[in-house]
Amino acid sequence: MPWVLRLAYGGIFLLLAAITLGVGYITLIDWRDRRRRNEAERQARRSKRR
């Protein structure tokens, strides 16, 4: 029976790690895209002033 518990805990750990990495990846991509959008908006405002 202990090997079943070890297998279950290992699976739970891997799922938790995968979800954590996925959320981190999505957060990173969103941050990068938001930065690009803000920069593009700044460039558009600068070009309208001229």
N, C-alpha and C. Protein backbone atom coordinates (compact mmCIF):
# COMPACT_ATOMS: atom_id res chain seq x y z
N MET A 1 0.80 -1.21 0.00
CA MET A 1 0.00 0.00 0.00
C MET A 1 0.84 1.27 0.00
N PRO A 2 1.99 1.33 0.67
CA PRO A 2 2.78 2.57 0.66
C PRO A 2 3.20 3.02 -0.75
N TRP A 3 3.47 2.07 -1.66
CA TRP A 3 3.90 2.47 -3.01
C TRP A 3 2.77 3.18 -3.74
N VAL A 4 1.52 2.83 -3.44
CA VAL A 4 0.38 3.50 -4.06
C VAL A 4 0.31 4.96 -3.58
N LEU A 5 0.54 5.14 -2.29
CA LEU A 5 0.54 6.49 -1.75
C LEU A 5 1.67 7.32 -2.33
N ARG A 6 2.85 6.71 -2.45
CA ARG A 6 3.98 7.43 -3.04
C ARG A 6 3.68 7.82 -4.48
N LEU A 7 3.06 6.92 -5.21
CA LEU A 7 2.70 7.20 -6.60
C LEU A 7 1.66 8.33 -6.67
N ALA A 8 0.68 8.29 -5.78
CA ALA A 8 -0.34 9.34 -5.76
C ALA A 8 0.27 10.69 -5.40
N TYR A 9 1.11 10.71 -4.36
CA TYR A 9 1.74 11.98 -3.98
C TYR A 9 2.66 12.49 -5.09
N GLY A 10 3.35 11.60 -5.75
CA GLY A 10 4.19 12.01 -6.87
C GLY A 10 3.38 12.62 -8.00
N GLY A 11 2.23 12.00 -8.30
CA GLY A 11 1.35 12.53 -9.34
C GLY A 11 0.80 13.89 -8.96
N ILE A 12 0.40 14.02 -7.70
CA ILE A 12 -0.12 15.31 -7.23
C ILE A 12 0.96 16.38 -7.33
N PHE A 13 2.16 16.04 -6.95
CA PHE A 13 3.27 17.00 -7.02
C PHE A 13 3.53 17.42 -8.46
N LEU A 14 3.53 16.45 -9.39
CA LEU A 14 3.77 16.79 -10.79
C LEU A 14 2.66 17.67 -11.36
N LEU A 15 1.42 17.38 -11.00
CA LEU A 15 0.31 18.23 -11.46
C LEU A 15 0.44 19.65 -10.91
N LEU A 16 0.75 19.76 -9.65
CA LEU A 16 0.91 21.08 -9.03
C LEU A 16 2.06 21.86 -9.68
N ALA A 17 3.15 21.17 -9.95
CA ALA A 17 4.29 21.82 -10.59
C ALA A 17 3.92 22.28 -12.01
N ALA A 18 3.20 21.42 -12.75
CA ALA A 18 2.80 21.78 -14.12
C ALA A 18 1.86 22.98 -14.12
N ILE A 19 0.91 23.01 -13.20
CA ILE A 19 -0.03 24.13 -13.12
C ILE A 19 0.70 25.41 -12.74
N THR A 20 1.63 25.32 -11.79
CA THR A 20 2.39 26.49 -11.36
C THR A 20 3.23 27.04 -12.51
N LEU A 21 3.89 26.16 -13.24
CA LEU A 21 4.69 26.61 -14.38
C LEU A 21 3.81 27.21 -15.47
N GLY A 22 2.64 26.63 -15.69
CA GLY A 22 1.71 27.15 -16.69
C GLY A 22 1.24 28.55 -16.35
N VAL A 23 0.87 28.76 -15.10
CA VAL A 23 0.42 30.09 -14.66
C VAL A 23 1.56 31.09 -14.78
N GLY A 24 2.76 30.69 -14.41
CA GLY A 24 3.92 31.57 -14.55
C GLY A 24 4.19 31.94 -16.00
N TYR A 25 4.06 30.96 -16.90
CA TYR A 25 4.27 31.21 -18.32
C TYR A 25 3.23 32.19 -18.86
N ILE A 26 1.97 31.96 -18.52
CA ILE A 26 0.90 32.85 -19.00
C ILE A 26 1.10 34.26 -18.46
N THR A 27 1.51 34.38 -17.21
CA THR A 27 1.75 35.69 -16.61
C THR A 27 2.89 36.40 -17.33
N LEU A 28 3.96 35.68 -17.63
CA LEU A 28 5.10 36.26 -18.34
C LEU A 28 4.71 36.75 -19.73
N ILE A 29 3.96 35.93 -20.46
CA ILE A 29 3.55 36.31 -21.81
C ILE A 29 2.62 37.52 -21.78
N ASP A 30 1.70 37.54 -20.82
CA ASP A 30 0.78 38.67 -20.69
C ASP A 30 1.54 39.95 -20.37
N TRP A 31 2.52 39.87 -19.48
CA TRP A 31 3.33 41.04 -19.11
C TRP A 31 4.09 41.57 -20.33
N ARG A 32 4.67 40.65 -21.10
CA ARG A 32 5.44 41.05 -22.29
C ARG A 32 4.54 41.71 -23.33
N ASP A 33 3.36 41.11 -23.55
CA ASP A 33 2.43 41.69 -24.53
C ASP A 33 1.91 43.05 -24.09
N ARG A 34 1.61 43.19 -22.81
CA ARG A 34 1.13 44.47 -22.29
C ARG A 34 2.19 45.54 -22.47
N ARG A 35 3.45 45.19 -22.23
CA ARG A 35 4.54 46.14 -22.41
C ARG A 35 4.66 46.58 -23.86
N ARG A 36 4.51 45.62 -24.79
CA ARG A 36 4.57 45.96 -26.21
C ARG A 36 3.41 46.86 -26.62
N ARG A 37 2.20 46.54 -26.14
CA ARG A 37 1.04 47.38 -26.47
C ARG A 37 1.22 48.79 -25.96
N ASN A 38 1.69 48.93 -24.72
CA ASN A 38 1.90 50.27 -24.16
C ASN A 38 2.94 51.04 -24.96
N GLU A 39 3.98 50.36 -25.39
CA GLU A 39 5.01 51.03 -26.18
C GLU A 39 4.44 51.46 -27.53
N ALA A 40 3.63 50.63 -28.15
CA ALA A 40 3.03 50.99 -29.44
C ALA A 40 2.09 52.18 -29.27
N GLU A 41 1.33 52.21 -28.17
CA GLU A 41 0.45 53.36 -27.92
C GLU A 41 1.26 54.63 -27.71
N ARG A 42 2.37 54.54 -27.01
CA ARG A 42 3.23 55.71 -26.81
C ARG A 42 3.77 56.22 -28.14
N GLN A 43 4.19 55.30 -28.99
CA GLN A 43 4.71 55.69 -30.31
C GLN A 43 3.62 56.37 -31.14
N ALA A 44 2.40 55.83 -31.06
CA ALA A 44 1.30 56.42 -31.83
C ALA A 44 0.98 57.82 -31.33
N ARG A 45 1.01 58.02 -30.02
CA ARG A 45 0.76 59.36 -29.46
C ARG A 45 1.84 60.34 -29.87
N ARG A 46 3.09 59.88 -29.86
CA ARG A 46 4.19 60.77 -30.28
C ARG A 46 4.05 61.18 -31.72
N SER A 47 3.67 60.23 -32.60
CA SER A 47 3.58 60.56 -34.02
C SER A 47 2.39 61.48 -34.31
N LYS A 48 1.33 61.42 -33.48
CA LYS A 48 0.17 62.31 -33.67
C LYS A 48 0.53 63.75 -33.30
N ARG A 49 1.42 63.92 -32.34
CA ARG A 49 1.80 65.27 -31.89
C ARG A 49 2.54 66.03 -32.98
N ARG A 50 3.27 65.33 -33.77
CA ARG A 50 4.12 65.98 -34.80
C ARG A 50 3.34 66.47 -35.97
